[in-house]
Amino acid sequence: MATFMQEIKREVKNWWLFTIIGVLLLIAGLYTISNPLASFLGLSVFFGGLIFLNGIMELSFALGNRRRLHHWGWTIAAGILDIILGFVLLLYPGLSMSILPFLVGFYVLLLGASLSSYAFQLNNLAVKGWGWILAGGILTILFGLSMIFNPVIGIATIVGWTAFAFLIAGVVTIVFSLQLKRIKDHTEV
């Protein structure tokens, strides 16, 4: 029976989904910076759609790799939670705007935790550069915590913090996807 690391080295499917997620996170960050006044009003709908789409892609990744990944159920659970959260945000934008700093803070916190987890998986595979993904994940966690514990400050600075957090998470997620691609390309040779 092959170990998790042997399996993922042999066959990594759908690595490009993380590239798409990273690009969407970068677009979200750039949009937020370029339209600060309109952004706060539109953030609940935009985040709802982004979180919903992220959930669909996480679910697709988990299902596509279910025979190769141990604990793939956690990725499915995260995907389902993202789909539900995104749907609720899209359905009730007025409610979500009133609690937006908390929602964004918790989402960014969970995103940072996921990136940190991926970094440790890359470390177990002896992939170089995993520390950068871990650093990005930790930085993303810190941004999430600052939004949660300082909601007044979070409301005043949500556009800037959100944009910066999405930009960092986008870059780190793209780097992660490229690491997965490198693993796939290396094992195909």
N, C-alpha and C. Protein backbone atom coordinates (compact mmCIF):
# COMPACT_ATOMS: atom_id res chain seq x y z
N MET A 1 0.84 -1.18 0.00
CA MET A 1 0.00 0.00 0.00
C MET A 1 0.89 1.24 0.00
N ALA A 2 0.64 2.12 -0.93
CA ALA A 2 1.44 3.32 -1.06
C ALA A 2 1.05 4.33 0.02
N THR A 3 2.03 5.09 0.45
CA THR A 3 1.76 6.12 1.44
C THR A 3 1.16 7.33 0.75
N PHE A 4 0.65 8.24 1.55
CA PHE A 4 0.07 9.47 1.02
C PHE A 4 1.06 10.21 0.15
N MET A 5 2.29 10.33 0.61
CA MET A 5 3.29 11.09 -0.13
C MET A 5 3.64 10.43 -1.46
N GLN A 6 3.72 9.12 -1.46
CA GLN A 6 3.99 8.42 -2.72
C GLN A 6 2.83 8.60 -3.68
N GLU A 7 1.62 8.55 -3.16
CA GLU A 7 0.45 8.72 -4.00
C GLU A 7 0.37 10.11 -4.59
N ILE A 8 0.59 11.14 -3.78
CA ILE A 8 0.47 12.50 -4.29
C ILE A 8 1.61 12.81 -5.26
N LYS A 9 2.79 12.25 -5.02
CA LYS A 9 3.90 12.44 -5.96
C LYS A 9 3.59 11.77 -7.30
N ARG A 10 2.93 10.63 -7.24
CA ARG A 10 2.64 9.87 -8.45
C ARG A 10 1.56 10.55 -9.29
N GLU A 11 0.56 11.09 -8.64
CA GLU A 11 -0.57 11.60 -9.41
C GLU A 11 -1.29 12.71 -8.66
N VAL A 12 -1.09 13.92 -9.09
CA VAL A 12 -1.78 15.06 -8.53
C VAL A 12 -2.72 15.58 -9.61
N LYS A 13 -4.00 15.52 -9.34
CA LYS A 13 -4.99 16.00 -10.29
C LYS A 13 -5.48 17.38 -9.87
N ASN A 14 -5.89 18.13 -10.83
CA ASN A 14 -6.58 19.40 -10.62
C ASN A 14 -5.76 20.42 -9.83
N TRP A 15 -4.44 20.38 -9.96
CA TRP A 15 -3.60 21.38 -9.29
C TRP A 15 -3.96 22.79 -9.74
N TRP A 16 -4.41 22.92 -10.97
CA TRP A 16 -4.72 24.22 -11.57
C TRP A 16 -5.91 24.90 -10.90
N LEU A 17 -6.74 24.14 -10.17
CA LEU A 17 -7.85 24.77 -9.46
C LEU A 17 -7.34 25.78 -8.44
N PHE A 18 -6.21 25.46 -7.81
CA PHE A 18 -5.64 26.41 -6.85
C PHE A 18 -5.08 27.64 -7.57
N THR A 19 -4.62 27.49 -8.81
CA THR A 19 -4.19 28.65 -9.60
C THR A 19 -5.38 29.57 -9.84
N ILE A 20 -6.51 28.99 -10.22
CA ILE A 20 -7.71 29.80 -10.46
C ILE A 20 -8.14 30.50 -9.18
N ILE A 21 -8.14 29.78 -8.06
CA ILE A 21 -8.51 30.39 -6.78
C ILE A 21 -7.57 31.56 -6.47
N GLY A 22 -6.25 31.35 -6.68
CA GLY A 22 -5.27 32.41 -6.43
C GLY A 22 -5.51 33.63 -7.30
N VAL A 23 -5.79 33.41 -8.58
CA VAL A 23 -6.06 34.53 -9.50
C VAL A 23 -7.33 35.26 -9.07
N LEU A 24 -8.37 34.52 -8.68
CA LEU A 24 -9.59 35.17 -8.21
C LEU A 24 -9.34 35.99 -6.94
N LEU A 25 -8.50 35.48 -6.06
CA LEU A 25 -8.16 36.24 -4.86
C LEU A 25 -7.38 37.51 -5.21
N LEU A 26 -6.48 37.43 -6.19
CA LEU A 26 -5.76 38.62 -6.64
C LEU A 26 -6.72 39.64 -7.26
N ILE A 27 -7.64 39.17 -8.08
CA ILE A 27 -8.63 40.06 -8.69
C ILE A 27 -9.47 40.73 -7.60
N ALA A 28 -9.87 39.95 -6.59
CA ALA A 28 -10.64 40.51 -5.48
C ALA A 28 -9.87 41.61 -4.76
N GLY A 29 -8.57 41.38 -4.53
CA GLY A 29 -7.75 42.39 -3.88
C GLY A 29 -7.59 43.65 -4.70
N LEU A 30 -7.34 43.50 -5.99
CA LEU A 30 -7.17 44.67 -6.87
C LEU A 30 -8.48 45.44 -7.02
N TYR A 31 -9.59 44.74 -7.14
CA TYR A 31 -10.88 45.41 -7.23
C TYR A 31 -11.17 46.22 -5.96
N THR A 32 -10.89 45.64 -4.82
CA THR A 32 -11.17 46.30 -3.55
C THR A 32 -10.35 47.58 -3.41
N ILE A 33 -9.08 47.53 -3.84
CA ILE A 33 -8.22 48.72 -3.77
C ILE A 33 -8.70 49.81 -4.72
N SER A 34 -9.09 49.41 -5.93
CA SER A 34 -9.41 50.41 -6.95
C SER A 34 -10.78 51.06 -6.78
N ASN A 35 -11.66 50.48 -6.00
CA ASN A 35 -13.00 51.03 -5.78
C ASN A 35 -13.36 51.04 -4.30
N PRO A 36 -12.68 51.89 -3.50
CA PRO A 36 -12.88 51.80 -2.04
C PRO A 36 -14.29 52.14 -1.57
N LEU A 37 -14.93 53.16 -2.13
CA LEU A 37 -16.26 53.52 -1.65
C LEU A 37 -17.31 52.51 -2.10
N ALA A 38 -17.26 52.15 -3.35
CA ALA A 38 -18.22 51.17 -3.86
C ALA A 38 -17.94 49.78 -3.30
N SER A 39 -16.69 49.54 -2.93
CA SER A 39 -16.31 48.21 -2.46
C SER A 39 -17.05 47.81 -1.21
N PHE A 40 -17.13 48.71 -0.23
CA PHE A 40 -17.78 48.32 1.01
C PHE A 40 -19.24 47.96 0.77
N LEU A 41 -19.90 48.70 -0.10
CA LEU A 41 -21.30 48.40 -0.40
C LEU A 41 -21.44 47.08 -1.16
N GLY A 42 -20.49 46.80 -2.03
CA GLY A 42 -20.58 45.60 -2.85
C GLY A 42 -19.84 44.39 -2.32
N LEU A 43 -19.12 44.56 -1.22
CA LEU A 43 -18.30 43.46 -0.70
C LEU A 43 -19.12 42.23 -0.31
N SER A 44 -20.27 42.42 0.27
CA SER A 44 -21.04 41.26 0.71
C SER A 44 -21.45 40.38 -0.48
N VAL A 45 -21.87 40.99 -1.57
CA VAL A 45 -22.25 40.22 -2.75
C VAL A 45 -21.00 39.62 -3.40
N PHE A 46 -19.95 40.41 -3.53
CA PHE A 46 -18.72 39.93 -4.16
C PHE A 46 -18.10 38.80 -3.35
N PHE A 47 -17.99 38.97 -2.02
CA PHE A 47 -17.43 37.92 -1.17
C PHE A 47 -18.31 36.68 -1.17
N GLY A 48 -19.60 36.90 -1.17
CA GLY A 48 -20.51 35.75 -1.23
C GLY A 48 -20.26 34.91 -2.47
N GLY A 49 -20.14 35.57 -3.62
CA GLY A 49 -19.87 34.85 -4.86
C GLY A 49 -18.50 34.19 -4.87
N LEU A 50 -17.50 34.90 -4.37
CA LEU A 50 -16.14 34.35 -4.32
C LEU A 50 -16.06 33.15 -3.39
N ILE A 51 -16.66 33.27 -2.23
CA ILE A 51 -16.64 32.17 -1.26
C ILE A 51 -17.42 30.97 -1.82
N PHE A 52 -18.55 31.23 -2.46
CA PHE A 52 -19.34 30.17 -3.08
C PHE A 52 -18.52 29.44 -4.15
N LEU A 53 -17.87 30.20 -5.02
CA LEU A 53 -17.05 29.61 -6.09
C LEU A 53 -15.85 28.86 -5.51
N ASN A 54 -15.22 29.42 -4.49
CA ASN A 54 -14.10 28.74 -3.82
C ASN A 54 -14.56 27.40 -3.26
N GLY A 55 -15.75 27.35 -2.68
CA GLY A 55 -16.28 26.10 -2.15
C GLY A 55 -16.47 25.06 -3.24
N ILE A 56 -16.99 25.49 -4.38
CA ILE A 56 -17.18 24.56 -5.50
C ILE A 56 -15.83 24.00 -5.97
N MET A 57 -14.82 24.86 -6.06
CA MET A 57 -13.50 24.40 -6.52
C MET A 57 -12.83 23.49 -5.49
N GLU A 58 -12.97 23.81 -4.20
CA GLU A 58 -12.42 22.91 -3.16
C GLU A 58 -13.10 21.55 -3.21
N LEU A 59 -14.40 21.56 -3.40
CA LEU A 59 -15.15 20.31 -3.50
C LEU A 59 -14.69 19.52 -4.72
N SER A 60 -14.50 20.19 -5.85
CA SER A 60 -14.01 19.53 -7.07
C SER A 60 -12.63 18.93 -6.87
N PHE A 61 -11.74 19.68 -6.22
CA PHE A 61 -10.39 19.19 -5.96
C PHE A 61 -10.43 17.95 -5.07
N ALA A 62 -11.23 18.01 -4.01
CA ALA A 62 -11.31 16.88 -3.07
C ALA A 62 -11.89 15.64 -3.75
N LEU A 63 -12.95 15.82 -4.51
CA LEU A 63 -13.56 14.68 -5.19
C LEU A 63 -12.65 14.10 -6.26
N GLY A 64 -11.92 14.96 -6.96
CA GLY A 64 -11.00 14.50 -7.99
C GLY A 64 -9.80 13.75 -7.44
N ASN A 65 -9.47 13.98 -6.18
CA ASN A 65 -8.29 13.36 -5.58
C ASN A 65 -8.65 12.45 -4.40
N ARG A 66 -9.90 12.05 -4.29
CA ARG A 66 -10.34 11.30 -3.11
C ARG A 66 -9.62 9.98 -2.94
N ARG A 67 -9.18 9.37 -4.01
CA ARG A 67 -8.50 8.08 -3.91
C ARG A 67 -7.02 8.25 -3.62
N ARG A 68 -6.52 9.46 -3.74
CA ARG A 68 -5.10 9.71 -3.56
C ARG A 68 -4.76 10.45 -2.27
N LEU A 69 -5.73 11.15 -1.73
CA LEU A 69 -5.47 11.98 -0.55
C LEU A 69 -6.09 11.36 0.69
N HIS A 70 -5.28 11.25 1.73
CA HIS A 70 -5.83 10.86 3.02
C HIS A 70 -6.52 12.10 3.61
N HIS A 71 -7.53 11.90 4.35
CA HIS A 71 -8.26 12.99 5.01
C HIS A 71 -8.87 13.96 4.01
N TRP A 72 -9.25 13.48 2.84
CA TRP A 72 -9.87 14.34 1.83
C TRP A 72 -11.23 14.84 2.29
N GLY A 73 -11.80 14.18 3.28
CA GLY A 73 -13.09 14.61 3.81
C GLY A 73 -13.05 16.01 4.41
N TRP A 74 -11.90 16.40 4.95
CA TRP A 74 -11.78 17.76 5.51
C TRP A 74 -11.89 18.81 4.40
N THR A 75 -11.30 18.50 3.25
CA THR A 75 -11.39 19.44 2.13
C THR A 75 -12.83 19.50 1.63
N ILE A 76 -13.52 18.36 1.62
CA ILE A 76 -14.94 18.35 1.23
C ILE A 76 -15.76 19.17 2.23
N ALA A 77 -15.50 18.97 3.51
CA ALA A 77 -16.23 19.73 4.54
C ALA A 77 -16.00 21.23 4.38
N ALA A 78 -14.74 21.63 4.14
CA ALA A 78 -14.44 23.06 3.94
C ALA A 78 -15.16 23.58 2.70
N GLY A 79 -15.18 22.79 1.64
CA GLY A 79 -15.87 23.20 0.41
C GLY A 79 -17.36 23.37 0.63
N ILE A 80 -17.98 22.44 1.35
CA ILE A 80 -19.42 22.53 1.62
C ILE A 80 -19.72 23.75 2.49
N LEU A 81 -18.88 23.99 3.51
CA LEU A 81 -19.09 25.17 4.36
C LEU A 81 -18.96 26.46 3.55
N ASP A 82 -17.98 26.51 2.64
CA ASP A 82 -17.83 27.70 1.79
C ASP A 82 -19.05 27.89 0.89
N ILE A 83 -19.57 26.81 0.34
CA ILE A 83 -20.75 26.90 -0.51
C ILE A 83 -21.94 27.45 0.28
N ILE A 84 -22.15 26.92 1.49
CA ILE A 84 -23.27 27.37 2.32
C ILE A 84 -23.09 28.84 2.71
N LEU A 85 -21.88 29.20 3.18
CA LEU A 85 -21.62 30.59 3.58
C LEU A 85 -21.79 31.54 2.40
N GLY A 86 -21.26 31.18 1.25
CA GLY A 86 -21.40 32.02 0.06
C GLY A 86 -22.85 32.21 -0.33
N PHE A 87 -23.63 31.15 -0.26
CA PHE A 87 -25.05 31.22 -0.61
C PHE A 87 -25.79 32.16 0.34
N VAL A 88 -25.53 32.04 1.64
CA VAL A 88 -26.19 32.91 2.62
C VAL A 88 -25.80 34.37 2.38
N LEU A 89 -24.54 34.63 2.10
CA LEU A 89 -24.10 36.00 1.83
C LEU A 89 -24.77 36.58 0.59
N LEU A 90 -24.95 35.75 -0.42
CA LEU A 90 -25.61 36.21 -1.64
C LEU A 90 -27.10 36.45 -1.39
N LEU A 91 -27.71 35.64 -0.55
CA LEU A 91 -29.14 35.73 -0.30
C LEU A 91 -29.51 36.93 0.59
N TYR A 92 -28.66 37.27 1.57
CA TYR A 92 -28.95 38.34 2.52
C TYR A 92 -27.81 39.37 2.57
N PRO A 93 -27.65 40.20 1.55
CA PRO A 93 -26.53 41.15 1.55
C PRO A 93 -26.62 42.21 2.64
N GLY A 94 -27.81 42.65 3.02
CA GLY A 94 -27.94 43.65 4.08
C GLY A 94 -27.45 43.13 5.42
N LEU A 95 -27.83 41.92 5.74
CA LEU A 95 -27.38 41.29 6.98
C LEU A 95 -25.87 41.08 6.96
N SER A 96 -25.38 40.61 5.84
CA SER A 96 -23.94 40.33 5.78
C SER A 96 -23.10 41.60 5.86
N MET A 97 -23.62 42.73 5.37
CA MET A 97 -22.86 43.98 5.48
C MET A 97 -22.70 44.41 6.94
N SER A 98 -23.71 44.14 7.76
CA SER A 98 -23.62 44.55 9.17
C SER A 98 -22.61 43.70 9.95
N ILE A 99 -22.38 42.47 9.50
CA ILE A 99 -21.43 41.61 10.19
C ILE A 99 -20.20 41.31 9.32
N LEU A 100 -20.01 42.11 8.28
CA LEU A 100 -18.94 41.86 7.32
C LEU A 100 -17.54 41.78 7.93
N PRO A 101 -17.17 42.66 8.86
CA PRO A 101 -15.82 42.52 9.42
C PRO A 101 -15.58 41.17 10.08
N PHE A 102 -16.59 40.63 10.76
CA PHE A 102 -16.44 39.31 11.39
C PHE A 102 -16.39 38.21 10.34
N LEU A 103 -17.28 38.29 9.35
CA LEU A 103 -17.30 37.27 8.30
C LEU A 103 -15.98 37.22 7.55
N VAL A 104 -15.51 38.39 7.16
CA VAL A 104 -14.25 38.45 6.41
C VAL A 104 -13.10 37.99 7.30
N GLY A 105 -13.11 38.42 8.55
CA GLY A 105 -12.05 38.03 9.48
C GLY A 105 -11.97 36.52 9.66
N PHE A 106 -13.11 35.88 9.88
CA PHE A 106 -13.12 34.42 10.03
C PHE A 106 -12.74 33.72 8.73
N TYR A 107 -13.22 34.24 7.61
CA TYR A 107 -12.88 33.62 6.32
C TYR A 107 -11.38 33.71 6.07
N VAL A 108 -10.80 34.88 6.30
CA VAL A 108 -9.36 35.06 6.10
C VAL A 108 -8.58 34.19 7.07
N LEU A 109 -9.05 34.07 8.31
CA LEU A 109 -8.41 33.21 9.30
C LEU A 109 -8.39 31.75 8.82
N LEU A 110 -9.52 31.26 8.34
CA LEU A 110 -9.58 29.88 7.84
C LEU A 110 -8.74 29.69 6.58
N LEU A 111 -8.72 30.69 5.73
CA LEU A 111 -7.89 30.62 4.53
C LEU A 111 -6.42 30.52 4.91
N GLY A 112 -5.98 31.30 5.89
CA GLY A 112 -4.60 31.23 6.36
C GLY A 112 -4.27 29.88 6.99
N ALA A 113 -5.24 29.31 7.72
CA ALA A 113 -5.03 27.98 8.31
C ALA A 113 -4.89 26.93 7.21
N SER A 114 -5.70 27.03 6.16
CA SER A 114 -5.59 26.09 5.04
C SER A 114 -4.23 26.20 4.36
N LEU A 115 -3.79 27.42 4.12
CA LEU A 115 -2.48 27.61 3.47
C LEU A 115 -1.36 27.06 4.34
N SER A 116 -1.45 27.27 5.65
CA SER A 116 -0.44 26.73 6.56
C SER A 116 -0.44 25.20 6.53
N SER A 117 -1.62 24.61 6.48
CA SER A 117 -1.72 23.15 6.40
C SER A 117 -1.09 22.63 5.11
N TYR A 118 -1.36 23.31 4.00
CA TYR A 118 -0.77 22.91 2.72
C TYR A 118 0.75 23.01 2.78
N ALA A 119 1.27 24.02 3.46
CA ALA A 119 2.72 24.18 3.58
C ALA A 119 3.34 22.99 4.29
N PHE A 120 2.70 22.54 5.37
CA PHE A 120 3.23 21.37 6.08
C PHE A 120 3.17 20.11 5.23
N GLN A 121 2.14 20.00 4.40
CA GLN A 121 2.08 18.86 3.48
C GLN A 121 3.22 18.90 2.47
N LEU A 122 3.53 20.10 1.97
CA LEU A 122 4.65 20.25 1.04
C LEU A 122 5.97 19.94 1.74
N ASN A 123 6.10 20.33 3.01
CA ASN A 123 7.31 20.02 3.78
C ASN A 123 7.48 18.52 3.90
N ASN A 124 6.39 17.79 4.15
CA ASN A 124 6.45 16.33 4.25
C ASN A 124 6.89 15.69 2.93
N LEU A 125 6.61 16.39 1.83
CA LEU A 125 7.01 15.90 0.51
C LEU A 125 8.42 16.36 0.13
N ALA A 126 9.08 17.08 1.05
CA ALA A 126 10.43 17.62 0.83
C ALA A 126 10.46 18.58 -0.36
N VAL A 127 9.41 19.39 -0.51
CA VAL A 127 9.33 20.38 -1.58
C VAL A 127 9.97 21.67 -1.08
N LYS A 128 10.90 22.19 -1.87
CA LYS A 128 11.56 23.45 -1.49
C LYS A 128 10.57 24.60 -1.59
N GLY A 129 10.75 25.59 -0.73
CA GLY A 129 9.92 26.78 -0.74
C GLY A 129 8.64 26.67 0.08
N TRP A 130 8.48 25.56 0.79
CA TRP A 130 7.26 25.39 1.59
C TRP A 130 7.17 26.44 2.69
N GLY A 131 8.31 26.92 3.16
CA GLY A 131 8.33 27.91 4.23
C GLY A 131 7.68 29.23 3.83
N TRP A 132 7.77 29.59 2.54
CA TRP A 132 7.13 30.81 2.07
C TRP A 132 5.61 30.68 2.13
N ILE A 133 5.12 29.50 1.80
CA ILE A 133 3.68 29.28 1.88
C ILE A 133 3.23 29.31 3.34
N LEU A 134 4.03 28.73 4.23
CA LEU A 134 3.72 28.78 5.66
C LEU A 134 3.73 30.23 6.16
N ALA A 135 4.74 31.00 5.77
CA ALA A 135 4.80 32.40 6.20
C ALA A 135 3.59 33.18 5.70
N GLY A 136 3.20 32.94 4.45
CA GLY A 136 2.02 33.60 3.90
C GLY A 136 0.76 33.18 4.63
N GLY A 137 0.67 31.90 4.98
CA GLY A 137 -0.48 31.41 5.73
C GLY A 137 -0.57 32.04 7.10
N ILE A 138 0.57 32.14 7.79
CA ILE A 138 0.60 32.75 9.12
C ILE A 138 0.23 34.24 9.03
N LEU A 139 0.77 34.93 8.03
CA LEU A 139 0.44 36.35 7.85
C LEU A 139 -1.06 36.52 7.57
N THR A 140 -1.63 35.63 6.77
CA THR A 140 -3.05 35.67 6.48
C THR A 140 -3.86 35.43 7.76
N ILE A 141 -3.43 34.50 8.61
CA ILE A 141 -4.09 34.25 9.90
C ILE A 141 -4.07 35.52 10.76
N LEU A 142 -2.92 36.20 10.81
CA LEU A 142 -2.82 37.43 11.61
C LEU A 142 -3.77 38.51 11.11
N PHE A 143 -3.91 38.64 9.79
CA PHE A 143 -4.87 39.61 9.24
C PHE A 143 -6.29 39.25 9.67
N GLY A 144 -6.62 37.97 9.60
CA GLY A 144 -7.96 37.54 10.01
C GLY A 144 -8.24 37.84 11.47
N LEU A 145 -7.26 37.55 12.32
CA LEU A 145 -7.44 37.81 13.76
C LEU A 145 -7.61 39.30 14.05
N SER A 146 -6.86 40.14 13.34
CA SER A 146 -6.98 41.59 13.58
C SER A 146 -8.37 42.09 13.21
N MET A 147 -8.98 41.53 12.17
CA MET A 147 -10.34 41.94 11.80
C MET A 147 -11.37 41.46 12.81
N ILE A 148 -11.16 40.27 13.36
CA ILE A 148 -12.12 39.71 14.31
C ILE A 148 -12.08 40.45 15.65
N PHE A 149 -10.89 40.73 16.16
CA PHE A 149 -10.76 41.29 17.49
C PHE A 149 -10.83 42.81 17.53
N ASN A 150 -10.82 43.47 16.39
CA ASN A 150 -10.95 44.92 16.34
C ASN A 150 -12.03 45.31 15.32
N PRO A 151 -13.31 44.98 15.59
CA PRO A 151 -14.34 45.23 14.58
C PRO A 151 -14.52 46.71 14.25
N VAL A 152 -14.32 47.61 15.22
CA VAL A 152 -14.44 49.04 14.92
C VAL A 152 -13.34 49.44 13.95
N ILE A 153 -12.14 49.03 14.25
CA ILE A 153 -11.03 49.29 13.33
C ILE A 153 -11.27 48.54 12.02
N GLY A 154 -11.81 47.34 12.14
CA GLY A 154 -12.11 46.54 10.96
C GLY A 154 -13.08 47.22 10.02
N ILE A 155 -14.09 47.86 10.57
CA ILE A 155 -15.07 48.57 9.74
C ILE A 155 -14.39 49.74 9.03
N ALA A 156 -13.56 50.49 9.78
CA ALA A 156 -12.90 51.67 9.20
C ALA A 156 -11.86 51.30 8.14
N THR A 157 -11.25 50.13 8.29
CA THR A 157 -10.15 49.76 7.39
C THR A 157 -10.42 48.49 6.58
N ILE A 158 -11.67 48.07 6.53
CA ILE A 158 -11.97 46.78 5.90
C ILE A 158 -11.54 46.72 4.44
N VAL A 159 -11.65 47.80 3.74
CA VAL A 159 -11.28 47.79 2.32
C VAL A 159 -9.78 47.52 2.17
N GLY A 160 -8.96 48.24 2.91
CA GLY A 160 -7.51 48.05 2.80
C GLY A 160 -7.04 46.69 3.30
N TRP A 161 -7.51 46.31 4.49
CA TRP A 161 -7.10 45.02 5.06
C TRP A 161 -7.55 43.86 4.18
N THR A 162 -8.78 43.96 3.72
CA THR A 162 -9.32 42.89 2.88
C THR A 162 -8.52 42.77 1.59
N ALA A 163 -8.27 43.90 0.97
CA ALA A 163 -7.50 43.88 -0.28
C ALA A 163 -6.12 43.27 -0.06
N PHE A 164 -5.44 43.70 0.99
CA PHE A 164 -4.09 43.20 1.27
C PHE A 164 -4.10 41.71 1.59
N ALA A 165 -5.08 41.28 2.40
CA ALA A 165 -5.18 39.86 2.74
C ALA A 165 -5.45 39.01 1.51
N PHE A 166 -6.35 39.47 0.63
CA PHE A 166 -6.64 38.71 -0.58
C PHE A 166 -5.43 38.68 -1.51
N LEU A 167 -4.69 39.78 -1.60
CA LEU A 167 -3.50 39.79 -2.45
C LEU A 167 -2.46 38.78 -1.94
N ILE A 168 -2.21 38.78 -0.63
CA ILE A 168 -1.25 37.82 -0.07
C ILE A 168 -1.73 36.39 -0.26
N ALA A 169 -2.99 36.15 0.07
CA ALA A 169 -3.54 34.79 -0.07
C ALA A 169 -3.53 34.37 -1.54
N GLY A 170 -3.79 35.29 -2.46
CA GLY A 170 -3.77 34.95 -3.88
C GLY A 170 -2.39 34.55 -4.35
N VAL A 171 -1.37 35.32 -3.96
CA VAL A 171 0.00 34.99 -4.35
C VAL A 171 0.42 33.65 -3.75
N VAL A 172 0.15 33.45 -2.48
CA VAL A 172 0.55 32.21 -1.80
C VAL A 172 -0.19 31.01 -2.40
N THR A 173 -1.47 31.17 -2.73
CA THR A 173 -2.24 30.08 -3.32
C THR A 173 -1.69 29.73 -4.71
N ILE A 174 -1.30 30.73 -5.48
CA ILE A 174 -0.70 30.47 -6.80
C ILE A 174 0.63 29.76 -6.64
N VAL A 175 1.45 30.19 -5.69
CA VAL A 175 2.72 29.51 -5.43
C VAL A 175 2.47 28.05 -5.05
N PHE A 176 1.47 27.81 -4.21
CA PHE A 176 1.12 26.44 -3.84
C PHE A 176 0.73 25.62 -5.06
N SER A 177 -0.09 26.20 -5.95
CA SER A 177 -0.51 25.46 -7.14
C SER A 177 0.69 25.14 -8.03
N LEU A 178 1.63 26.06 -8.12
CA LEU A 178 2.84 25.80 -8.92
C LEU A 178 3.70 24.71 -8.29
N GLN A 179 3.71 24.65 -6.96
CA GLN A 179 4.43 23.56 -6.29
C GLN A 179 3.77 22.22 -6.61
N LEU A 180 2.44 22.19 -6.60
CA LEU A 180 1.74 20.96 -6.96
C LEU A 180 2.03 20.57 -8.40
N LYS A 181 2.06 21.57 -9.30
CA LYS A 181 2.37 21.29 -10.71
C LYS A 181 3.78 20.75 -10.84
N ARG A 182 4.72 21.32 -10.11
CA ARG A 182 6.09 20.86 -10.15
C ARG A 182 6.18 19.40 -9.70
N ILE A 183 5.43 19.06 -8.66
CA ILE A 183 5.40 17.66 -8.20
C ILE A 183 4.86 16.77 -9.32
N LYS A 184 3.77 17.19 -9.94
CA LYS A 184 3.16 16.41 -11.01
C LYS A 184 4.12 16.29 -12.19
N ASP A 185 4.72 17.39 -12.63
CA ASP A 185 5.65 17.35 -13.76
C ASP A 185 6.87 16.49 -13.46
N HIS A 186 7.37 16.59 -12.24
CA HIS A 186 8.58 15.82 -11.86
C HIS A 186 8.31 14.32 -11.88
N THR A 187 7.12 13.93 -11.47
CA THR A 187 6.81 12.50 -11.41
C THR A 187 6.40 11.94 -12.75
N GLU A 188 6.05 12.80 -13.72
CA GLU A 188 5.67 12.32 -15.05
C GLU A 188 6.88 12.02 -15.92
N VAL A 189 8.05 12.57 -15.54
CA VAL A 189 9.25 12.39 -16.35
C VAL A 189 9.76 10.98 -16.30
